[in-house]
Amino acid sequence: MAKSLNKVQLIGNLGKDPEMRYTSSGIAVATFSIATSDSWKDQDGNMQERTEWHNIVAWRKLAEICGEWLKKGKKVYIEGKLQTRSYEKDGVKKYITEIVASDLIMLDGGGKSASEAPADAGAASDAAPEKADDLPF
């Protein structure tokens, strides 16, 4: 029998700049939301669109990369897992479901995976060769 699987893959746009904070032991945490949109034609032939907002949490080095390179409106690929946690607010127990990010690819420029920890994450990754003579074929 197969093991269970908890995996999320999203491509969307940041709703705001990531919020950075650090735990009491100094571990970096970034939180932000991304929007994904779905469009379809209804039964009358009119285009309809629905936007879903997803809460993202990144930890450690990935959090630092998010805080440094991500900005509102940027398109990103996020991979991670779903996690639900509870907290109490005004005596009422609340629940929130978040995506705990394990990988990130910046799709608006850069194009590198955050696991590669690029020093030049904003630079284009597919630069053209300087001369046509340098091509290997």
N, C-alpha and C. Protein backbone atom coordinates (compact mmCIF):
# COMPACT_ATOMS: atom_id res chain seq x y z
N MET A 1 0.84 -1.18 0.00
CA MET A 1 0.00 0.00 0.00
C MET A 1 0.89 1.24 0.00
N ALA A 2 0.47 2.25 -0.73
CA ALA A 2 1.24 3.49 -0.87
C ALA A 2 1.16 4.33 0.40
N LYS A 3 2.24 5.07 0.65
CA LYS A 3 2.24 6.03 1.75
C LYS A 3 1.35 7.21 1.38
N SER A 4 1.05 8.04 2.32
CA SER A 4 0.25 9.22 2.03
C SER A 4 1.12 10.31 1.40
N LEU A 5 0.48 11.31 0.83
CA LEU A 5 1.20 12.39 0.16
C LEU A 5 0.57 13.72 0.53
N ASN A 6 1.38 14.66 0.95
CA ASN A 6 0.94 16.02 1.26
C ASN A 6 1.84 16.94 0.46
N LYS A 7 1.42 17.33 -0.74
CA LYS A 7 2.25 18.15 -1.61
C LYS A 7 1.37 19.16 -2.33
N VAL A 8 1.86 20.40 -2.35
CA VAL A 8 1.14 21.49 -3.00
C VAL A 8 2.09 22.15 -3.99
N GLN A 9 1.59 22.44 -5.20
CA GLN A 9 2.34 23.19 -6.20
C GLN A 9 1.44 24.31 -6.69
N LEU A 10 1.93 25.54 -6.59
CA LEU A 10 1.14 26.70 -7.00
C LEU A 10 1.99 27.64 -7.85
N ILE A 11 1.34 28.27 -8.81
CA ILE A 11 1.93 29.40 -9.54
C ILE A 11 0.95 30.55 -9.37
N GLY A 12 1.45 31.65 -8.83
CA GLY A 12 0.59 32.79 -8.59
C GLY A 12 1.39 34.05 -8.35
N ASN A 13 0.66 35.11 -8.01
CA ASN A 13 1.27 36.42 -7.79
C ASN A 13 1.15 36.81 -6.33
N LEU A 14 2.23 37.41 -5.80
CA LEU A 14 2.23 37.86 -4.41
C LEU A 14 1.23 38.98 -4.21
N GLY A 15 0.47 38.90 -3.13
CA GLY A 15 -0.50 39.93 -2.80
C GLY A 15 0.11 41.11 -2.07
N LYS A 16 1.24 40.88 -1.41
CA LYS A 16 1.97 41.94 -0.70
C LYS A 16 3.38 41.45 -0.46
N ASP A 17 4.26 42.35 -0.07
CA ASP A 17 5.63 41.98 0.25
C ASP A 17 5.62 40.99 1.42
N PRO A 18 6.55 40.04 1.45
CA PRO A 18 6.62 39.11 2.57
C PRO A 18 6.87 39.83 3.89
N GLU A 19 6.28 39.32 4.96
CA GLU A 19 6.53 39.83 6.30
C GLU A 19 7.59 38.94 6.93
N MET A 20 8.69 39.54 7.35
CA MET A 20 9.80 38.80 7.96
C MET A 20 9.73 38.93 9.48
N ARG A 21 10.04 37.84 10.15
CA ARG A 21 10.22 37.87 11.60
C ARG A 21 11.19 36.75 11.97
N TYR A 22 11.61 36.75 13.22
CA TYR A 22 12.56 35.75 13.69
C TYR A 22 12.03 35.16 14.99
N THR A 23 12.20 33.86 15.14
CA THR A 23 11.79 33.22 16.38
C THR A 23 12.76 33.64 17.49
N SER A 24 12.43 33.31 18.72
CA SER A 24 13.29 33.67 19.84
C SER A 24 14.67 33.02 19.73
N SER A 25 14.76 31.93 18.98
CA SER A 25 16.06 31.27 18.78
C SER A 25 16.76 31.74 17.50
N GLY A 26 16.20 32.78 16.85
CA GLY A 26 16.86 33.39 15.70
C GLY A 26 16.55 32.77 14.34
N ILE A 27 15.55 31.91 14.26
CA ILE A 27 15.19 31.28 12.98
C ILE A 27 14.29 32.23 12.19
N ALA A 28 14.66 32.45 10.91
CA ALA A 28 13.91 33.36 10.04
C ALA A 28 12.59 32.71 9.60
N VAL A 29 11.53 33.53 9.58
CA VAL A 29 10.21 33.10 9.12
C VAL A 29 9.65 34.19 8.22
N ALA A 30 9.23 33.82 7.02
CA ALA A 30 8.57 34.76 6.11
C ALA A 30 7.15 34.29 5.87
N THR A 31 6.21 35.22 5.93
CA THR A 31 4.82 34.90 5.61
C THR A 31 4.34 35.85 4.53
N PHE A 32 3.58 35.31 3.60
CA PHE A 32 3.01 36.11 2.52
C PHE A 32 1.86 35.34 1.90
N SER A 33 1.13 35.99 1.04
CA SER A 33 0.02 35.33 0.36
C SER A 33 0.22 35.44 -1.14
N ILE A 34 -0.24 34.41 -1.85
CA ILE A 34 -0.24 34.48 -3.30
C ILE A 34 -1.65 34.22 -3.81
N ALA A 35 -1.95 34.82 -4.95
CA ALA A 35 -3.25 34.68 -5.58
C ALA A 35 -3.13 33.78 -6.80
N THR A 36 -4.07 32.86 -6.92
CA THR A 36 -4.20 32.07 -8.14
C THR A 36 -5.59 32.34 -8.70
N SER A 37 -5.69 32.37 -10.02
CA SER A 37 -6.97 32.68 -10.65
C SER A 37 -7.38 31.56 -11.60
N ASP A 38 -8.67 31.37 -11.67
CA ASP A 38 -9.28 30.37 -12.54
C ASP A 38 -10.35 31.08 -13.36
N SER A 39 -10.40 30.81 -14.64
CA SER A 39 -11.44 31.44 -15.47
C SER A 39 -12.15 30.37 -16.29
N TRP A 40 -13.41 30.63 -16.59
CA TRP A 40 -14.24 29.71 -17.34
C TRP A 40 -15.41 30.46 -17.96
N LYS A 41 -16.07 29.83 -18.91
CA LYS A 41 -17.30 30.39 -19.49
C LYS A 41 -18.49 29.76 -18.79
N ASP A 42 -19.43 30.61 -18.37
CA ASP A 42 -20.63 30.10 -17.73
C ASP A 42 -21.60 29.59 -18.80
N GLN A 43 -22.75 29.12 -18.37
CA GLN A 43 -23.71 28.52 -19.32
C GLN A 43 -24.26 29.53 -20.32
N ASP A 44 -24.13 30.84 -20.02
CA ASP A 44 -24.58 31.87 -20.96
C ASP A 44 -23.44 32.33 -21.87
N GLY A 45 -22.27 31.74 -21.74
CA GLY A 45 -21.13 32.10 -22.58
C GLY A 45 -20.32 33.28 -22.06
N ASN A 46 -20.63 33.77 -20.87
CA ASN A 46 -19.88 34.89 -20.28
C ASN A 46 -18.65 34.37 -19.54
N MET A 47 -17.55 35.10 -19.67
CA MET A 47 -16.33 34.73 -18.96
C MET A 47 -16.49 35.04 -17.47
N GLN A 48 -16.13 34.09 -16.66
CA GLN A 48 -16.16 34.24 -15.21
C GLN A 48 -14.73 34.02 -14.70
N GLU A 49 -14.42 34.64 -13.58
CA GLU A 49 -13.09 34.47 -12.99
C GLU A 49 -13.23 34.41 -11.47
N ARG A 50 -12.42 33.53 -10.86
CA ARG A 50 -12.40 33.41 -9.41
C ARG A 50 -10.94 33.42 -8.97
N THR A 51 -10.66 34.19 -7.95
CA THR A 51 -9.31 34.27 -7.40
C THR A 51 -9.29 33.63 -6.03
N GLU A 52 -8.33 32.75 -5.81
CA GLU A 52 -8.12 32.11 -4.52
C GLU A 52 -6.84 32.68 -3.90
N TRP A 53 -6.88 32.94 -2.60
CA TRP A 53 -5.70 33.43 -1.88
C TRP A 53 -5.15 32.31 -1.01
N HIS A 54 -3.83 32.15 -1.05
CA HIS A 54 -3.14 31.08 -0.32
C HIS A 54 -2.11 31.69 0.63
N ASN A 55 -2.16 31.28 1.89
CA ASN A 55 -1.20 31.74 2.89
C ASN A 55 0.05 30.87 2.82
N ILE A 56 1.21 31.50 2.68
CA ILE A 56 2.47 30.79 2.54
C ILE A 56 3.37 31.11 3.73
N VAL A 57 4.07 30.10 4.24
CA VAL A 57 5.06 30.28 5.30
C VAL A 57 6.36 29.64 4.83
N ALA A 58 7.45 30.39 4.92
CA ALA A 58 8.78 29.87 4.59
C ALA A 58 9.67 30.01 5.81
N TRP A 59 10.56 29.06 5.99
CA TRP A 59 11.44 29.03 7.15
C TRP A 59 12.90 29.08 6.73
N ARG A 60 13.75 29.53 7.64
CA ARG A 60 15.21 29.51 7.54
C ARG A 60 15.71 30.23 6.30
N LYS A 61 16.61 29.60 5.54
CA LYS A 61 17.24 30.25 4.38
C LYS A 61 16.20 30.62 3.32
N LEU A 62 15.21 29.76 3.11
CA LEU A 62 14.17 30.07 2.14
C LEU A 62 13.41 31.34 2.56
N ALA A 63 13.18 31.51 3.85
CA ALA A 63 12.52 32.72 4.35
C ALA A 63 13.36 33.96 4.05
N GLU A 64 14.66 33.85 4.27
CA GLU A 64 15.55 34.99 4.00
C GLU A 64 15.55 35.35 2.52
N ILE A 65 15.54 34.34 1.64
CA ILE A 65 15.49 34.59 0.20
C ILE A 65 14.17 35.28 -0.16
N CYS A 66 13.07 34.79 0.42
CA CYS A 66 11.76 35.41 0.16
C CYS A 66 11.75 36.87 0.59
N GLY A 67 12.27 37.13 1.78
CA GLY A 67 12.28 38.49 2.29
C GLY A 67 13.13 39.43 1.45
N GLU A 68 14.20 38.91 0.87
CA GLU A 68 15.10 39.75 0.09
C GLU A 68 14.64 39.96 -1.35
N TRP A 69 14.08 38.94 -1.98
CA TRP A 69 13.83 38.99 -3.42
C TRP A 69 12.37 39.13 -3.84
N LEU A 70 11.43 38.73 -3.00
CA LEU A 70 10.03 38.77 -3.42
C LEU A 70 9.38 40.11 -3.09
N LYS A 71 8.57 40.58 -4.02
CA LYS A 71 7.84 41.84 -3.87
C LYS A 71 6.40 41.64 -4.34
N LYS A 72 5.52 42.50 -3.88
CA LYS A 72 4.12 42.46 -4.27
C LYS A 72 4.00 42.41 -5.80
N GLY A 73 3.14 41.53 -6.29
CA GLY A 73 2.87 41.42 -7.72
C GLY A 73 3.75 40.43 -8.46
N LYS A 74 4.88 40.00 -7.86
CA LYS A 74 5.79 39.07 -8.53
C LYS A 74 5.14 37.70 -8.70
N LYS A 75 5.40 37.08 -9.85
CA LYS A 75 4.90 35.73 -10.12
C LYS A 75 5.91 34.71 -9.62
N VAL A 76 5.41 33.72 -8.86
CA VAL A 76 6.28 32.71 -8.28
C VAL A 76 5.66 31.31 -8.41
N TYR A 77 6.53 30.33 -8.41
CA TYR A 77 6.14 28.92 -8.26
C TYR A 77 6.51 28.55 -6.84
N ILE A 78 5.56 28.00 -6.11
CA ILE A 78 5.77 27.57 -4.73
C ILE A 78 5.47 26.09 -4.65
N GLU A 79 6.34 25.36 -3.98
CA GLU A 79 6.10 23.95 -3.70
C GLU A 79 6.22 23.76 -2.20
N GLY A 80 5.32 22.98 -1.64
CA GLY A 80 5.36 22.76 -0.20
C GLY A 80 4.30 21.77 0.23
N LYS A 81 3.88 21.90 1.49
CA LYS A 81 2.87 21.00 2.03
C LYS A 81 1.83 21.80 2.80
N LEU A 82 0.62 21.26 2.88
CA LEU A 82 -0.45 21.88 3.64
C LEU A 82 -0.27 21.60 5.12
N GLN A 83 -0.53 22.63 5.91
CA GLN A 83 -0.46 22.46 7.36
C GLN A 83 -1.55 23.31 7.99
N THR A 84 -2.32 22.72 8.88
CA THR A 84 -3.37 23.44 9.60
C THR A 84 -2.92 23.58 11.05
N ARG A 85 -3.08 24.80 11.56
CA ARG A 85 -2.74 25.04 12.97
C ARG A 85 -3.87 25.82 13.60
N SER A 86 -3.89 25.82 14.91
CA SER A 86 -4.93 26.56 15.64
C SER A 86 -4.27 27.59 16.55
N TYR A 87 -5.03 28.61 16.85
CA TYR A 87 -4.60 29.64 17.79
C TYR A 87 -5.85 30.20 18.44
N GLU A 88 -5.64 30.92 19.53
CA GLU A 88 -6.78 31.50 20.24
C GLU A 88 -6.76 33.01 20.12
N LYS A 89 -7.91 33.58 19.78
CA LYS A 89 -8.04 35.03 19.66
C LYS A 89 -9.33 35.45 20.36
N ASP A 90 -9.19 36.31 21.33
CA ASP A 90 -10.34 36.79 22.12
C ASP A 90 -11.13 35.63 22.72
N GLY A 91 -10.41 34.60 23.17
CA GLY A 91 -11.06 33.45 23.80
C GLY A 91 -11.70 32.48 22.84
N VAL A 92 -11.56 32.71 21.53
CA VAL A 92 -12.16 31.84 20.52
C VAL A 92 -11.04 31.10 19.78
N LYS A 93 -11.19 29.79 19.69
CA LYS A 93 -10.20 28.99 18.98
C LYS A 93 -10.41 29.14 17.48
N LYS A 94 -9.34 29.53 16.78
CA LYS A 94 -9.38 29.73 15.33
C LYS A 94 -8.42 28.75 14.66
N TYR A 95 -8.71 28.44 13.40
CA TYR A 95 -7.88 27.54 12.63
C TYR A 95 -7.43 28.24 11.36
N ILE A 96 -6.23 27.94 10.92
CA ILE A 96 -5.72 28.50 9.67
C ILE A 96 -4.97 27.39 8.94
N THR A 97 -5.18 27.32 7.63
CA THR A 97 -4.46 26.36 6.80
C THR A 97 -3.45 27.14 5.97
N GLU A 98 -2.21 26.70 6.03
CA GLU A 98 -1.11 27.39 5.34
C GLU A 98 -0.35 26.39 4.48
N ILE A 99 0.41 26.93 3.55
CA ILE A 99 1.33 26.12 2.77
C ILE A 99 2.72 26.40 3.31
N VAL A 100 3.37 25.37 3.81
CA VAL A 100 4.74 25.49 4.30
C VAL A 100 5.64 25.23 3.10
N ALA A 101 6.29 26.28 2.63
CA ALA A 101 7.08 26.22 1.40
C ALA A 101 8.36 25.42 1.61
N SER A 102 8.68 24.58 0.62
CA SER A 102 9.95 23.86 0.63
C SER A 102 10.81 24.27 -0.56
N ASP A 103 10.19 24.87 -1.58
CA ASP A 103 10.94 25.33 -2.75
C ASP A 103 10.20 26.51 -3.37
N LEU A 104 10.96 27.33 -4.06
CA LEU A 104 10.43 28.54 -4.67
C LEU A 104 11.20 28.81 -5.96
N ILE A 105 10.47 29.16 -7.00
CA ILE A 105 11.11 29.61 -8.24
C ILE A 105 10.49 30.96 -8.59
N MET A 106 11.33 31.95 -8.77
CA MET A 106 10.86 33.28 -9.16
C MET A 106 10.65 33.28 -10.67
N LEU A 107 9.44 33.54 -11.10
CA LEU A 107 9.11 33.45 -12.52
C LEU A 107 9.22 34.78 -13.25
N ASP A 108 9.22 35.88 -12.53
CA ASP A 108 9.42 37.21 -13.13
C ASP A 108 10.89 37.55 -13.04
N GLY A 109 11.67 37.05 -13.97
CA GLY A 109 13.12 37.28 -13.90
C GLY A 109 13.75 36.32 -12.92
N GLY A 110 15.02 36.16 -12.99
CA GLY A 110 15.71 35.22 -12.12
C GLY A 110 15.56 33.81 -12.63
N GLY A 111 14.38 33.22 -12.46
CA GLY A 111 14.11 31.89 -12.96
C GLY A 111 14.86 30.78 -12.25
N LYS A 112 15.50 31.07 -11.13
CA LYS A 112 16.26 30.06 -10.42
C LYS A 112 15.46 29.56 -9.23
N SER A 113 15.70 28.32 -8.89
CA SER A 113 15.08 27.73 -7.73
C SER A 113 15.75 28.28 -6.48
N ALA A 114 14.97 28.55 -5.46
CA ALA A 114 15.53 29.09 -4.22
C ALA A 114 16.46 28.09 -3.56
N SER A 115 16.29 26.79 -3.83
CA SER A 115 17.18 25.81 -3.24
C SER A 115 18.60 25.93 -3.78
N GLU A 116 18.76 26.62 -4.92
CA GLU A 116 20.09 26.88 -5.46
C GLU A 116 20.74 28.05 -4.74
N ALA A 117 19.98 28.75 -3.89
CA ALA A 117 20.45 29.90 -3.11
C ALA A 117 21.30 30.85 -3.93
N PRO A 118 20.70 31.45 -4.98
CA PRO A 118 21.49 32.29 -5.87
C PRO A 118 21.93 33.59 -5.22
N ALA A 119 23.16 33.95 -5.44
CA ALA A 119 23.64 35.25 -4.99
C ALA A 119 23.11 36.32 -5.92
N ASP A 120 22.79 35.94 -7.15
CA ASP A 120 22.31 36.87 -8.17
C ASP A 120 20.90 36.48 -8.59
N ALA A 121 20.00 36.26 -7.62
CA ALA A 121 18.66 35.75 -7.91
C ALA A 121 17.87 36.63 -8.86
N GLY A 122 18.17 37.90 -8.95
CA GLY A 122 17.43 38.78 -9.83
C GLY A 122 17.95 38.77 -11.26
N ALA A 123 19.09 38.16 -11.51
CA ALA A 123 19.69 38.17 -12.85
C ALA A 123 19.05 37.11 -13.73
N ALA A 124 19.04 37.37 -15.03
CA ALA A 124 18.50 36.39 -15.97
C ALA A 124 19.38 35.16 -15.99
N SER A 125 18.75 33.99 -16.03
CA SER A 125 19.52 32.75 -15.97
C SER A 125 19.81 32.18 -17.34
N ASP A 126 19.20 32.72 -18.38
CA ASP A 126 19.40 32.16 -19.72
C ASP A 126 20.03 33.18 -20.66
N ALA A 127 21.22 33.64 -20.28
CA ALA A 127 21.94 34.62 -21.10
C ALA A 127 22.41 33.97 -22.39
N ALA A 128 22.38 34.73 -23.48
CA ALA A 128 22.80 34.21 -24.78
C ALA A 128 24.32 34.13 -24.83
N PRO A 129 24.87 33.16 -25.62
CA PRO A 129 26.32 33.10 -25.77
C PRO A 129 26.84 34.36 -26.45
N GLU A 130 28.09 34.72 -26.14
CA GLU A 130 28.66 35.94 -26.70
C GLU A 130 28.83 35.88 -28.21
N LYS A 131 29.30 34.74 -28.73
CA LYS A 131 29.50 34.60 -30.17
C LYS A 131 28.82 33.32 -30.64
N ALA A 132 28.33 33.33 -31.86
CA ALA A 132 27.71 32.13 -32.43
C ALA A 132 28.75 31.03 -32.60
N ASP A 133 30.04 31.38 -32.73
CA ASP A 133 31.09 30.38 -32.90
C ASP A 133 31.28 29.54 -31.64
N ASP A 134 30.78 30.00 -30.50
CA ASP A 134 30.98 29.28 -29.25
C ASP A 134 29.96 28.16 -29.05
N LEU A 135 29.01 28.01 -29.96
CA LEU A 135 27.98 26.98 -29.81
C LEU A 135 28.59 25.60 -29.98
N PRO A 136 28.17 24.61 -29.17
CA PRO A 136 28.78 23.28 -29.21
C PRO A 136 28.30 22.42 -30.38
N PHE A 137 27.47 22.92 -31.26
CA PHE A 137 27.00 22.11 -32.40
C PHE A 137 27.11 22.84 -33.70
